[in-house]
């Protein structure tokens, strides 16, 4: 089974551009741990009551074991990088999704 490690982040507009540049460097660092197959950076299209801009980063893990190894070996250091840099200007929460099945269609 594959898992998606989903990180949803609300960014204060005052640091938005700086954070966006940073996350585009951060994602390859997370992928560099070898625990994830790919990542997708998305903007959440919602009007936030608290303001700011919300993003979702979805990291597709190779397995439950790989995700657990990420938590054990890498998560704390990689999370603290963003916390130190952006402190109270970003709010993040994390969820896990289990991939049950995947479907595609190809019209020709």
PDB file of N, CA and C in Angstrom:
ATOM      1  N   UNK A   1       0.830  -1.197   0.000  1.00  0.00           N
ATOM      2  CA  UNK A   1       0.000   0.000   0.000  1.00  0.00           C
ATOM      3  C   UNK A   1       0.867   1.252   0.000  1.00  0.00           C
ATOM      4  N   UNK A   2       0.422   2.226  -0.724  1.00  0.00           N
ATOM      5  CA  UNK A   2       1.099   3.518  -0.727  1.00  0.00           C
ATOM      6  C   UNK A   2       0.315   4.504   0.131  1.00  0.00           C
ATOM      7  N   UNK A   3       1.036   5.492   0.621  1.00  0.00           N
ATOM      8  CA  UNK A   3       0.440   6.515   1.469  1.00  0.00           C
ATOM      9  C   UNK A   3       0.813   7.896   0.956  1.00  0.00           C
ATOM     10  N   UNK A   4      -0.076   8.841   1.185  1.00  0.00           N
ATOM     11  CA  UNK A   4       0.224  10.239   0.904  1.00  0.00           C
ATOM     12  C   UNK A   4       0.363  10.949   2.246  1.00  0.00           C
ATOM     13  N   UNK A   5       1.483  11.604   2.404  1.00  0.00           N
ATOM     14  CA  UNK A   5       1.730  12.456   3.565  1.00  0.00           C
ATOM     15  C   UNK A   5       1.376  13.864   3.099  1.00  0.00           C
ATOM     16  N   UNK A   6       0.261  14.395   3.604  1.00  0.00           N
ATOM     17  CA  UNK A   6      -0.258  15.670   3.144  1.00  0.00           C
ATOM     18  C   UNK A   6       0.032  16.750   4.173  1.00  0.00           C
ATOM     19  N   UNK A   7       0.683  17.818   3.730  1.00  0.00           N
ATOM     20  CA  UNK A   7       0.973  18.952   4.600  1.00  0.00           C
ATOM     21  C   UNK A   7       0.196  20.146   4.067  1.00  0.00           C
ATOM     22  N   UNK A   8      -0.748  20.648   4.860  1.00  0.00           N
ATOM     23  CA  UNK A   8      -1.524  21.824   4.489  1.00  0.00           C
ATOM     24  C   UNK A   8      -0.969  23.004   5.268  1.00  0.00           C
ATOM     25  N   UNK A   9      -0.660  24.082   4.556  1.00  0.00           N
ATOM     26  CA  UNK A   9       0.010  25.225   5.170  1.00  0.00           C
ATOM     27  C   UNK A   9      -0.717  26.509   4.803  1.00  0.00           C
ATOM     28  N   UNK A  10      -1.035  27.321   5.818  1.00  0.00           N
ATOM     29  CA  UNK A  10      -1.575  28.652   5.579  1.00  0.00           C
ATOM     30  C   UNK A  10      -0.435  29.644   5.793  1.00  0.00           C
ATOM     31  N   UNK A  11      -0.209  30.491   4.782  1.00  0.00           N
ATOM     32  CA  UNK A  11       0.915  31.416   4.768  1.00  0.00           C
ATOM     33  C   UNK A  11       0.406  32.847   4.855  1.00  0.00           C
ATOM     34  N   UNK A  12       0.982  33.609   5.748  1.00  0.00           N
ATOM     35  CA  UNK A  12       0.662  35.033   5.833  1.00  0.00           C
ATOM     36  C   UNK A  12       1.086  35.716   4.524  1.00  0.00           C
ATOM     37  N   UNK A  13       0.237  36.594   4.018  1.00  0.00           N
ATOM     38  CA  UNK A  13       0.529  37.239   2.730  1.00  0.00           C
ATOM     39  C   UNK A  13       1.837  38.026   2.743  1.00  0.00           C
ATOM     40  N   UNK A  14       2.266  38.498   3.919  1.00  0.00           N
ATOM     41  CA  UNK A  14       3.491  39.295   4.010  1.00  0.00           C
ATOM     42  C   UNK A  14       4.752  38.493   3.696  1.00  0.00           C
ATOM     43  N   UNK A  15       4.674  37.166   3.796  1.00  0.00           N
ATOM     44  CA  UNK A  15       5.849  36.315   3.510  1.00  0.00           C
ATOM     45  C   UNK A  15       5.595  35.350   2.365  1.00  0.00           C
ATOM     46  N   UNK A  16       4.478  35.516   1.670  1.00  0.00           N
ATOM     47  CA  UNK A  16       4.062  34.557   0.656  1.00  0.00           C
ATOM     48  C   UNK A  16       5.147  34.268  -0.376  1.00  0.00           C
ATOM     49  N   UNK A  17       5.700  35.281  -0.996  1.00  0.00           N
ATOM     50  CA  UNK A  17       6.698  35.066  -2.050  1.00  0.00           C
ATOM     51  C   UNK A  17       7.959  34.394  -1.508  1.00  0.00           C
ATOM     52  N   UNK A  18       8.386  34.825  -0.326  1.00  0.00           N
ATOM     53  CA  UNK A  18       9.568  34.219   0.302  1.00  0.00           C
ATOM     54  C   UNK A  18       9.312  32.750   0.623  1.00  0.00           C
ATOM     55  N   UNK A  19       8.129  32.456   1.168  1.00  0.00           N
ATOM     56  CA  UNK A  19       7.786  31.069   1.505  1.00  0.00           C
ATOM     57  C   UNK A  19       7.705  30.207   0.248  1.00  0.00           C
ATOM     58  N   UNK A  20       7.099  30.734  -0.813  1.00  0.00           N
ATOM     59  CA  UNK A  20       6.947  29.964  -2.045  1.00  0.00           C
ATOM     60  C   UNK A  20       8.318  29.601  -2.624  1.00  0.00           C
ATOM     61  N   UNK A  21       9.254  30.548  -2.599  1.00  0.00           N
ATOM     62  CA  UNK A  21      10.620  30.253  -3.060  1.00  0.00           C
ATOM     63  C   UNK A  21      11.257  29.193  -2.169  1.00  0.00           C
ATOM     64  N   UNK A  22      11.035  29.308  -0.852  1.00  0.00           N
ATOM     65  CA  UNK A  22      11.620  28.356   0.106  1.00  0.00           C
ATOM     66  C   UNK A  22      11.038  26.953  -0.093  1.00  0.00           C
ATOM     67  N   UNK A  23       9.716  26.835  -0.244  1.00  0.00           N
ATOM     68  CA  UNK A  23       9.089  25.511  -0.343  1.00  0.00           C
ATOM     69  C   UNK A  23       9.553  24.791  -1.597  1.00  0.00           C
ATOM     70  N   UNK A  24       9.848  25.547  -2.656  1.00  0.00           N
ATOM     71  CA  UNK A  24      10.320  24.919  -3.891  1.00  0.00           C
ATOM     72  C   UNK A  24      11.734  24.367  -3.737  1.00  0.00           C
ATOM     73  N   UNK A  25      12.456  24.795  -2.715  1.00  0.00           N
ATOM     74  CA  UNK A  25      13.748  24.186  -2.365  1.00  0.00           C
ATOM     75  C   UNK A  25      13.565  23.090  -1.323  1.00  0.00           C
ATOM     76  N   UNK A  26      12.571  23.269  -0.463  1.00  0.00           N
ATOM     77  CA  UNK A  26      12.313  22.320   0.629  1.00  0.00           C
ATOM     78  C   UNK A  26      11.792  20.977   0.111  1.00  0.00           C
ATOM     79  N   UNK A  27      10.884  21.008  -0.851  1.00  0.00           N
ATOM     80  CA  UNK A  27      10.297  19.767  -1.377  1.00  0.00           C
ATOM     81  C   UNK A  27      11.371  18.823  -1.905  1.00  0.00           C
ATOM     82  N   UNK A  28      12.347  19.287  -2.710  1.00  0.00           N
ATOM     83  CA  UNK A  28      13.413  18.374  -3.140  1.00  0.00           C
ATOM     84  C   UNK A  28      14.236  17.812  -1.977  1.00  0.00           C
ATOM     85  N   UNK A  29      14.354  18.561  -0.878  1.00  0.00           N
ATOM     86  CA  UNK A  29      15.059  18.041   0.297  1.00  0.00           C
ATOM     87  C   UNK A  29      14.283  16.875   0.913  1.00  0.00           C
ATOM     88  N   UNK A  30      12.956  17.024   0.989  1.00  0.00           N
ATOM     89  CA  UNK A  30      12.128  15.930   1.521  1.00  0.00           C
ATOM     90  C   UNK A  30      12.224  14.722   0.593  1.00  0.00           C
ATOM     91  N   UNK A  31      12.133  14.938  -0.710  1.00  0.00           N
ATOM     92  CA  UNK A  31      12.256  13.831  -1.661  1.00  0.00           C
ATOM     93  C   UNK A  31      13.646  13.203  -1.587  1.00  0.00           C
ATOM     94  N   UNK A  32      14.638  14.001  -1.256  1.00  0.00           N
ATOM     95  CA  UNK A  32      16.014  13.522  -1.136  1.00  0.00           C
ATOM     96  C   UNK A  32      16.232  12.542  -0.001  1.00  0.00           C
ATOM     97  N   UNK A  33      15.269  12.429   0.906  1.00  0.00           N
ATOM     98  CA  UNK A  33      15.388  11.440   1.988  1.00  0.00           C
ATOM     99  C   UNK A  33      15.240  10.019   1.450  1.00  0.00           C
ATOM    100  N   UNK A  34      14.683   9.894   0.238  1.00  0.00           N
ATOM    101  CA  UNK A  34      14.478   8.574  -0.344  1.00  0.00           C
ATOM    102  C   UNK A  34      13.230   7.867   0.133  1.00  0.00           C
ATOM    103  N   UNK A  35      12.390   8.556   0.907  1.00  0.00           N
ATOM    104  CA  UNK A  35      11.193   7.923   1.467  1.00  0.00           C
ATOM    105  C   UNK A  35       9.942   8.164   0.629  1.00  0.00           C
ATOM    106  N   UNK A  36      10.051   9.054  -0.351  1.00  0.00           N
ATOM    107  CA  UNK A  36       8.881   9.419  -1.146  1.00  0.00           C
ATOM    108  C   UNK A  36       9.175   9.292  -2.629  1.00  0.00           C
ATOM    109  N   UNK A  37       8.156   8.895  -3.362  1.00  0.00           N
ATOM    110  CA  UNK A  37       8.254   8.681  -4.800  1.00  0.00           C
ATOM    111  C   UNK A  37       8.102   9.985  -5.578  1.00  0.00           C
ATOM    112  N   UNK A  38       7.185  10.839  -5.094  1.00  0.00           N
ATOM    113  CA  UNK A  38       6.942  12.103  -5.778  1.00  0.00           C
ATOM    114  C   UNK A  38       6.214  13.045  -4.841  1.00  0.00           C
ATOM    115  N   UNK A  39       6.143  14.316  -5.256  1.00  0.00           N
ATOM    116  CA  UNK A  39       5.420  15.313  -4.478  1.00  0.00           C
ATOM    117  C   UNK A  39       4.640  16.207  -5.424  1.00  0.00           C
ATOM    118  N   UNK A  40       3.514  16.710  -4.924  1.00  0.00           N
ATOM    119  CA  UNK A  40       2.689  17.636  -5.681  1.00  0.00           C
ATOM    120  C   UNK A  40       2.415  18.854  -4.808  1.00  0.00           C
ATOM    121  N   UNK A  41       2.724  20.030  -5.336  1.00  0.00           N
ATOM    122  CA  UNK A  41       2.447  21.289  -4.637  1.00  0.00           C
ATOM    123  C   UNK A  41       1.183  21.886  -5.243  1.00  0.00           C
ATOM    124  N   UNK A  42       0.170  22.138  -4.405  1.00  0.00           N
ATOM    125  CA  UNK A  42      -1.086  22.691  -4.893  1.00  0.00           C
ATOM    126  C   UNK A  42      -1.490  23.892  -4.046  1.00  0.00           C
ATOM    127  N   UNK A  43      -2.222  24.787  -4.670  1.00  0.00           N
ATOM    128  CA  UNK A  43      -2.818  25.901  -3.931  1.00  0.00           C
ATOM    129  C   UNK A  43      -4.260  25.505  -3.631  1.00  0.00           C
ATOM    130  N   UNK A  44      -4.680  25.696  -2.395  1.00  0.00           N
ATOM    131  CA  UNK A  44      -6.041  25.373  -1.989  1.00  0.00           C
ATOM    132  C   UNK A  44      -6.920  26.575  -2.350  1.00  0.00           C
ATOM    133  N   UNK A  45      -7.920  26.336  -3.154  1.00  0.00           N
ATOM    134  CA  UNK A  45      -8.775  27.421  -3.648  1.00  0.00           C
ATOM    135  C   UNK A  45      -9.943  27.635  -2.683  1.00  0.00           C
ATOM    136  N   UNK A  46      -9.646  28.372  -1.627  1.00  0.00           N
ATOM    137  CA  UNK A  46     -10.647  28.645  -0.599  1.00  0.00           C
ATOM    138  C   UNK A  46     -10.372  30.041  -0.036  1.00  0.00           C
ATOM    139  N   UNK A  47     -11.440  30.753   0.308  1.00  0.00           N
ATOM    140  CA  UNK A  47     -11.272  32.034   0.996  1.00  0.00           C
ATOM    141  C   UNK A  47     -11.102  31.737   2.479  1.00  0.00           C
ATOM    142  N   UNK A  48      -9.957  32.090   3.015  1.00  0.00           N
ATOM    143  CA  UNK A  48      -9.662  31.809   4.413  1.00  0.00           C
ATOM    144  C   UNK A  48     -10.248  32.881   5.320  1.00  0.00           C
ATOM    145  N   UNK A  49     -10.978  32.460   6.345  1.00  0.00           N
ATOM    146  CA  UNK A  49     -11.498  33.408   7.333  1.00  0.00           C
ATOM    147  C   UNK A  49     -10.353  34.151   8.018  1.00  0.00           C
ATOM    148  N   UNK A  50      -9.257  33.428   8.230  1.00  0.00           N
ATOM    149  CA  UNK A  50      -8.132  34.039   8.942  1.00  0.00           C
ATOM    150  C   UNK A  50      -7.183  34.776   8.000  1.00  0.00           C
ATOM    151  N   UNK A  51      -7.506  34.804   6.711  1.00  0.00           N
ATOM    152  CA  UNK A  51      -6.634  35.461   5.749  1.00  0.00           C
ATOM    153  C   UNK A  51      -5.519  34.532   5.319  1.00  0.00           C
ATOM    154  N   UNK A  52      -4.575  35.079   4.584  1.00  0.00           N
ATOM    155  CA  UNK A  52      -3.452  34.269   4.127  1.00  0.00           C
ATOM    156  C   UNK A  52      -3.796  33.440   2.901  1.00  0.00           C
ATOM    157  N   UNK A  53      -2.814  32.669   2.483  1.00  0.00           N
ATOM    158  CA  UNK A  53      -2.932  31.820   1.295  1.00  0.00           C
ATOM    159  C   UNK A  53      -2.610  30.398   1.733  1.00  0.00           C
ATOM    160  N   UNK A  54      -3.405  29.440   1.291  1.00  0.00           N
ATOM    161  CA  UNK A  54      -3.239  28.063   1.741  1.00  0.00           C
ATOM    162  C   UNK A  54      -2.731  27.174   0.610  1.00  0.00           C
ATOM    163  N   UNK A  55      -1.777  26.320   0.953  1.00  0.00           N
ATOM    164  CA  UNK A  55      -1.201  25.356   0.029  1.00  0.00           C
ATOM    165  C   UNK A  55      -1.297  23.965   0.634  1.00  0.00           C
ATOM    166  N   UNK A  56      -1.268  22.973  -0.243  1.00  0.00           N
ATOM    167  CA  UNK A  56      -1.181  21.580   0.176  1.00  0.00           C
ATOM    168  C   UNK A  56      -0.008  20.951  -0.572  1.00  0.00           C
ATOM    169  N   UNK A  57       0.866  20.303   0.175  1.00  0.00           N
ATOM    170  CA  UNK A  57       1.956  19.554  -0.440  1.00  0.00           C
ATOM    171  C   UNK A  57       1.682  18.083  -0.170  1.00  0.00           C
ATOM    172  N   UNK A  58       1.557  17.306  -1.223  1.00  0.00           N
ATOM    173  CA  UNK A  58       1.247  15.881  -1.086  1.00  0.00           C
ATOM    174  C   UNK A  58       2.467  15.070  -1.499  1.00  0.00           C
ATOM    175  N   UNK A  59       3.046  14.386  -0.514  1.00  0.00           N
ATOM    176  CA  UNK A  59       4.207  13.525  -0.745  1.00  0.00           C
ATOM    177  C   UNK A  59       3.722  12.091  -0.821  1.00  0.00           C
ATOM    178  N   UNK A  60       3.958  11.419  -1.944  1.00  0.00           N
ATOM    179  CA  UNK A  60       3.536  10.026  -2.078  1.00  0.00           C
ATOM    180  C   UNK A  60       4.661   9.113  -1.621  1.00  0.00           C
ATOM    181  N   UNK A  61       4.398   8.378  -0.547  1.00  0.00           N
ATOM    182  CA  UNK A  61       5.384   7.496   0.048  1.00  0.00           C
ATOM    183  C   UNK A  61       5.409   6.147  -0.665  1.00  0.00           C
ATOM    184  N   UNK A  62       6.575   5.509  -0.614  1.00  0.00           N
ATOM    185  CA  UNK A  62       6.695   4.177  -1.223  1.00  0.00           C
ATOM    186  C   UNK A  62       5.916   3.124  -0.436  1.00  0.00           C
ATOM    187  N   UNK A  63       5.811   3.316   0.901  1.00  0.00           N
ATOM    188  CA  UNK A  63       5.178   2.304   1.748  1.00  0.00           C
ATOM    189  C   UNK A  63       4.952   2.876   3.145  1.00  0.00           C
ATOM    190  N   UNK A  64       4.227   2.151   3.963  1.00  0.00           N
ATOM    191  CA  UNK A  64       4.030   2.518   5.365  1.00  0.00           C
ATOM    192  C   UNK A  64       5.388   2.576   6.077  1.00  0.00           C
ATOM    193  N   UNK A  65       6.238   1.602   5.772  1.00  0.00           N
ATOM    194  CA  UNK A  65       7.564   1.544   6.406  1.00  0.00           C
ATOM    195  C   UNK A  65       8.401   2.768   6.041  1.00  0.00           C
ATOM    196  N   UNK A  66       8.323   3.186   4.788  1.00  0.00           N
ATOM    197  CA  UNK A  66       9.082   4.366   4.357  1.00  0.00           C
ATOM    198  C   UNK A  66       8.568   5.622   5.054  1.00  0.00           C
ATOM    199  N   UNK A  67       7.255   5.737   5.196  1.00  0.00           N
ATOM    200  CA  UNK A  67       6.679   6.894   5.875  1.00  0.00           C
ATOM    201  C   UNK A  67       7.083   6.908   7.350  1.00  0.00           C
ATOM    202  N   UNK A  68       7.010   5.756   7.998  1.00  0.00           N
ATOM    203  CA  UNK A  68       7.433   5.664   9.401  1.00  0.00           C
ATOM    204  C   UNK A  68       8.910   6.010   9.558  1.00  0.00           C
ATOM    205  N   UNK A  69       9.733   5.573   8.616  1.00  0.00           N
ATOM    206  CA  UNK A  69      11.164   5.894   8.655  1.00  0.00           C
ATOM    207  C   UNK A  69      11.376   7.399   8.498  1.00  0.00           C
ATOM    208  N   UNK A  70      10.577   8.048   7.660  1.00  0.00           N
ATOM    209  CA  UNK A  70      10.662   9.500   7.510  1.00  0.00           C
ATOM    210  C   UNK A  70      10.378  10.185   8.850  1.00  0.00           C
ATOM    211  N   UNK A  71       9.311   9.753   9.520  1.00  0.00           N
ATOM    212  CA  UNK A  71       8.979  10.340  10.832  1.00  0.00           C
ATOM    213  C   UNK A  71      10.136  10.163  11.814  1.00  0.00           C
ATOM    214  N   UNK A  72      10.711   8.971  11.829  1.00  0.00           N
ATOM    215  CA  UNK A  72      11.800   8.657  12.775  1.00  0.00           C
ATOM    216  C   UNK A  72      13.088   9.408  12.461  1.00  0.00           C
ATOM    217  N   UNK A  73      13.445   9.454  11.182  1.00  0.00           N
ATOM    218  CA  UNK A  73      14.793   9.882  10.808  1.00  0.00           C
ATOM    219  C   UNK A  73      14.889  11.312  10.288  1.00  0.00           C
ATOM    220  N   UNK A  74      13.829  11.865   9.713  1.00  0.00           N
ATOM    221  CA  UNK A  74      13.960  13.125   8.975  1.00  0.00           C
ATOM    222  C   UNK A  74      12.986  14.234   9.356  1.00  0.00           C
ATOM    223  N   UNK A  75      11.782  13.878   9.784  1.00  0.00           N
ATOM    224  CA  UNK A  75      10.693  14.859   9.915  1.00  0.00           C
ATOM    225  C   UNK A  75      11.046  16.019  10.841  1.00  0.00           C
ATOM    226  N   UNK A  76      11.601  15.720  11.998  1.00  0.00           N
ATOM    227  CA  UNK A  76      11.844  16.779  12.977  1.00  0.00           C
ATOM    228  C   UNK A  76      12.769  17.860  12.427  1.00  0.00           C
ATOM    229  N   UNK A  77      13.868  17.452  11.812  1.00  0.00           N
ATOM    230  CA  UNK A  77      14.819  18.432  11.281  1.00  0.00           C
ATOM    231  C   UNK A  77      14.188  19.236  10.143  1.00  0.00           C
ATOM    232  N   UNK A  78      13.524  18.558   9.224  1.00  0.00           N
ATOM    233  CA  UNK A  78      12.948  19.252   8.075  1.00  0.00           C
ATOM    234  C   UNK A  78      11.802  20.181   8.485  1.00  0.00           C
ATOM    235  N   UNK A  79      11.017  19.784   9.479  1.00  0.00           N
ATOM    236  CA  UNK A  79       9.940  20.651   9.964  1.00  0.00           C
ATOM    237  C   UNK A  79      10.501  21.881  10.659  1.00  0.00           C
ATOM    238  N   UNK A  80      11.553  21.690  11.433  1.00  0.00           N
ATOM    239  CA  UNK A  80      12.099  22.810  12.209  1.00  0.00           C
ATOM    240  C   UNK A  80      12.695  23.884  11.309  1.00  0.00           C
ATOM    241  N   UNK A  81      13.183  23.518  10.127  1.00  0.00           N
ATOM    242  CA  UNK A  81      13.722  24.507   9.185  1.00  0.00           C
ATOM    243  C   UNK A  81      12.669  25.573   8.863  1.00  0.00           C
ATOM    244  N   UNK A  82      11.483  25.134   8.524  1.00  0.00           N
ATOM    245  CA  UNK A  82      10.408  26.072   8.191  1.00  0.00           C
ATOM    246  C   UNK A  82       9.914  26.842   9.393  1.00  0.00           C
ATOM    247  N   UNK A  83       9.819  26.166  10.534  1.00  0.00           N
ATOM    248  CA  UNK A  83       9.357  26.835  11.745  1.00  0.00           C
ATOM    249  C   UNK A  83      10.298  27.955  12.153  1.00  0.00           C
ATOM    250  N   UNK A  84      11.603  27.679  12.079  1.00  0.00           N
ATOM    251  CA  UNK A  84      12.585  28.705  12.445  1.00  0.00           C
ATOM    252  C   UNK A  84      12.503  29.900  11.498  1.00  0.00           C
ATOM    253  N   UNK A  85      12.336  29.611  10.235  1.00  0.00           N
ATOM    254  CA  UNK A  85      12.369  30.667   9.217  1.00  0.00           C
ATOM    255  C   UNK A  85      11.089  31.513   9.215  1.00  0.00           C
ATOM    256  N   UNK A  86       9.927  30.877   9.397  1.00  0.00           N
ATOM    257  CA  UNK A  86       8.665  31.592   9.230  1.00  0.00           C
ATOM    258  C   UNK A  86       7.835  31.716  10.505  1.00  0.00           C
ATOM    259  N   UNK A  87       8.217  31.007  11.549  1.00  0.00           N
ATOM    260  CA  UNK A  87       7.625  31.112  12.895  1.00  0.00           C
ATOM    261  C   UNK A  87       6.115  31.301  12.881  1.00  0.00           C
ATOM    262  N   UNK A  88       5.637  32.449  13.348  1.00  0.00           N
ATOM    263  CA  UNK A  88       4.200  32.664  13.520  1.00  0.00           C
ATOM    264  C   UNK A  88       3.508  33.147  12.250  1.00  0.00           C
ATOM    265  N   UNK A  89       4.214  33.159  11.117  1.00  0.00           N
ATOM    266  CA  UNK A  89       3.625  33.620   9.855  1.00  0.00           C
ATOM    267  C   UNK A  89       3.077  32.455   9.023  1.00  0.00           C
ATOM    268  N   UNK A  90       3.207  31.241   9.542  1.00  0.00           N
ATOM    269  CA  UNK A  90       2.657  30.082   8.837  1.00  0.00           C
ATOM    270  C   UNK A  90       2.036  29.122   9.840  1.00  0.00           C
ATOM    271  N   UNK A  91       0.992  28.461   9.411  1.00  0.00           N
ATOM    272  CA  UNK A  91       0.314  27.471  10.236  1.00  0.00           C
ATOM    273  C   UNK A  91       0.207  26.208   9.400  1.00  0.00           C
ATOM    274  N   UNK A  92       0.742  25.105   9.916  1.00  0.00           N
ATOM    275  CA  UNK A  92       0.746  23.856   9.145  1.00  0.00           C
ATOM    276  C   UNK A  92       0.032  22.750   9.915  1.00  0.00           C
ATOM    277  N   UNK A  93      -0.678  21.903   9.188  1.00  0.00           N
ATOM    278  CA  UNK A  93      -1.156  20.659   9.782  1.00  0.00           C
ATOM    279  C   UNK A  93      -0.976  19.540   8.781  1.00  0.00           C
ATOM    280  N   UNK A  94      -0.822  18.344   9.327  1.00  0.00           N
ATOM    281  CA  UNK A  94      -0.449  17.195   8.509  1.00  0.00           C
ATOM    282  C   UNK A  94      -1.489  16.087   8.637  1.00  0.00           C
ATOM    283  N   UNK A  95      -1.754  15.429   7.517  1.00  0.00           N
ATOM    284  CA  UNK A  95      -2.648  14.276   7.515  1.00  0.00           C
ATOM    285  C   UNK A  95      -2.029  13.176   6.665  1.00  0.00           C
ATOM    286  N   UNK A  96      -2.436  11.966   6.934  1.00  0.00           N
ATOM    287  CA  UNK A  96      -2.018  10.819   6.129  1.00  0.00           C
ATOM    288  C   UNK A  96      -3.213  10.311   5.351  1.00  0.00           C
ATOM    289  N   UNK A  97      -2.968   9.963   4.095  1.00  0.00           N
ATOM    290  CA  UNK A  97      -3.996   9.373   3.248  1.00  0.00           C
ATOM    291  C   UNK A  97      -3.482   8.025   2.753  1.00  0.00           C
ATOM    292  N   UNK A  98      -4.324   7.027   2.811  1.00  0.00           N
ATOM    293  CA  UNK A  98      -3.951   5.716   2.284  1.00  0.00           C
ATOM    294  C   UNK A  98      -4.552   5.569   0.894  1.00  0.00           C
ATOM    295  N   UNK A  99      -3.718   5.263  -0.084  1.00  0.00           N
ATOM    296  CA  UNK A  99      -4.199   5.087  -1.457  1.00  0.00           C
ATOM    297  C   UNK A  99      -4.824   3.691  -1.566  1.00  0.00           C
ATOM    298  N   UNK A 100      -6.095   3.673  -1.877  1.00  0.00           N
ATOM    299  CA  UNK A 100      -6.818   2.409  -2.016  1.00  0.00           C
ATOM    300  C   UNK A 100      -6.693   1.893  -3.441  1.00  0.00           C
ATOM    301  N   UNK A 101      -6.891   2.780  -4.413  1.00  0.00           N
ATOM    302  CA  UNK A 101      -6.825   2.402  -5.814  1.00  0.00           C
ATOM    303  C   UNK A 101      -6.603   3.669  -6.621  1.00  0.00           C
ATOM    304  N   UNK A 102      -6.042   3.528  -7.808  1.00  0.00           N
ATOM    305  CA  UNK A 102      -5.827   4.665  -8.686  1.00  0.00           C
ATOM    306  C   UNK A 102      -6.434   4.352 -10.039  1.00  0.00           C
ATOM    307  N   UNK A 103      -7.020   5.371 -10.678  1.00  0.00           N
ATOM    308  CA  UNK A 103      -7.694   5.210 -11.948  1.00  0.00           C
ATOM    309  C   UNK A 103      -7.205   6.277 -12.924  1.00  0.00           C
ATOM    310  N   UNK A 104      -7.107   5.932 -14.161  1.00  0.00           N
ATOM    311  CA  UNK A 104      -6.812   6.909 -15.211  1.00  0.00           C
ATOM    312  C   UNK A 104      -7.695   6.594 -16.407  1.00  0.00           C
ATOM    313  N   UNK A 105      -7.817   7.565 -17.262  1.00  0.00           N
ATOM    314  CA  UNK A 105      -8.559   7.354 -18.493  1.00  0.00           C
ATOM    315  C   UNK A 105      -7.762   8.008 -19.617  1.00  0.00           C
ATOM    316  N   UNK A 106      -7.811   7.403 -20.766  1.00  0.00           N
ATOM    317  CA  UNK A 106      -7.076   7.933 -21.909  1.00  0.00           C
ATOM    318  C   UNK A 106      -8.011   7.935 -23.116  1.00  0.00           C
ATOM    319  N   UNK A 107      -8.438   9.113 -23.528  1.00  0.00           N
ATOM    320  CA  UNK A 107      -9.317   9.246 -24.685  1.00  0.00           C
ATOM    321  C   UNK A 107      -8.477   9.457 -25.930  1.00  0.00           C
ATOM    322  N   UNK A 108      -8.669   8.605 -26.929  1.00  0.00           N
ATOM    323  CA  UNK A 108      -7.929   8.766 -28.184  1.00  0.00           C
ATOM    324  C   UNK A 108      -8.882   8.709 -29.344  1.00  0.00           C
TER     325      UNK A 108
END
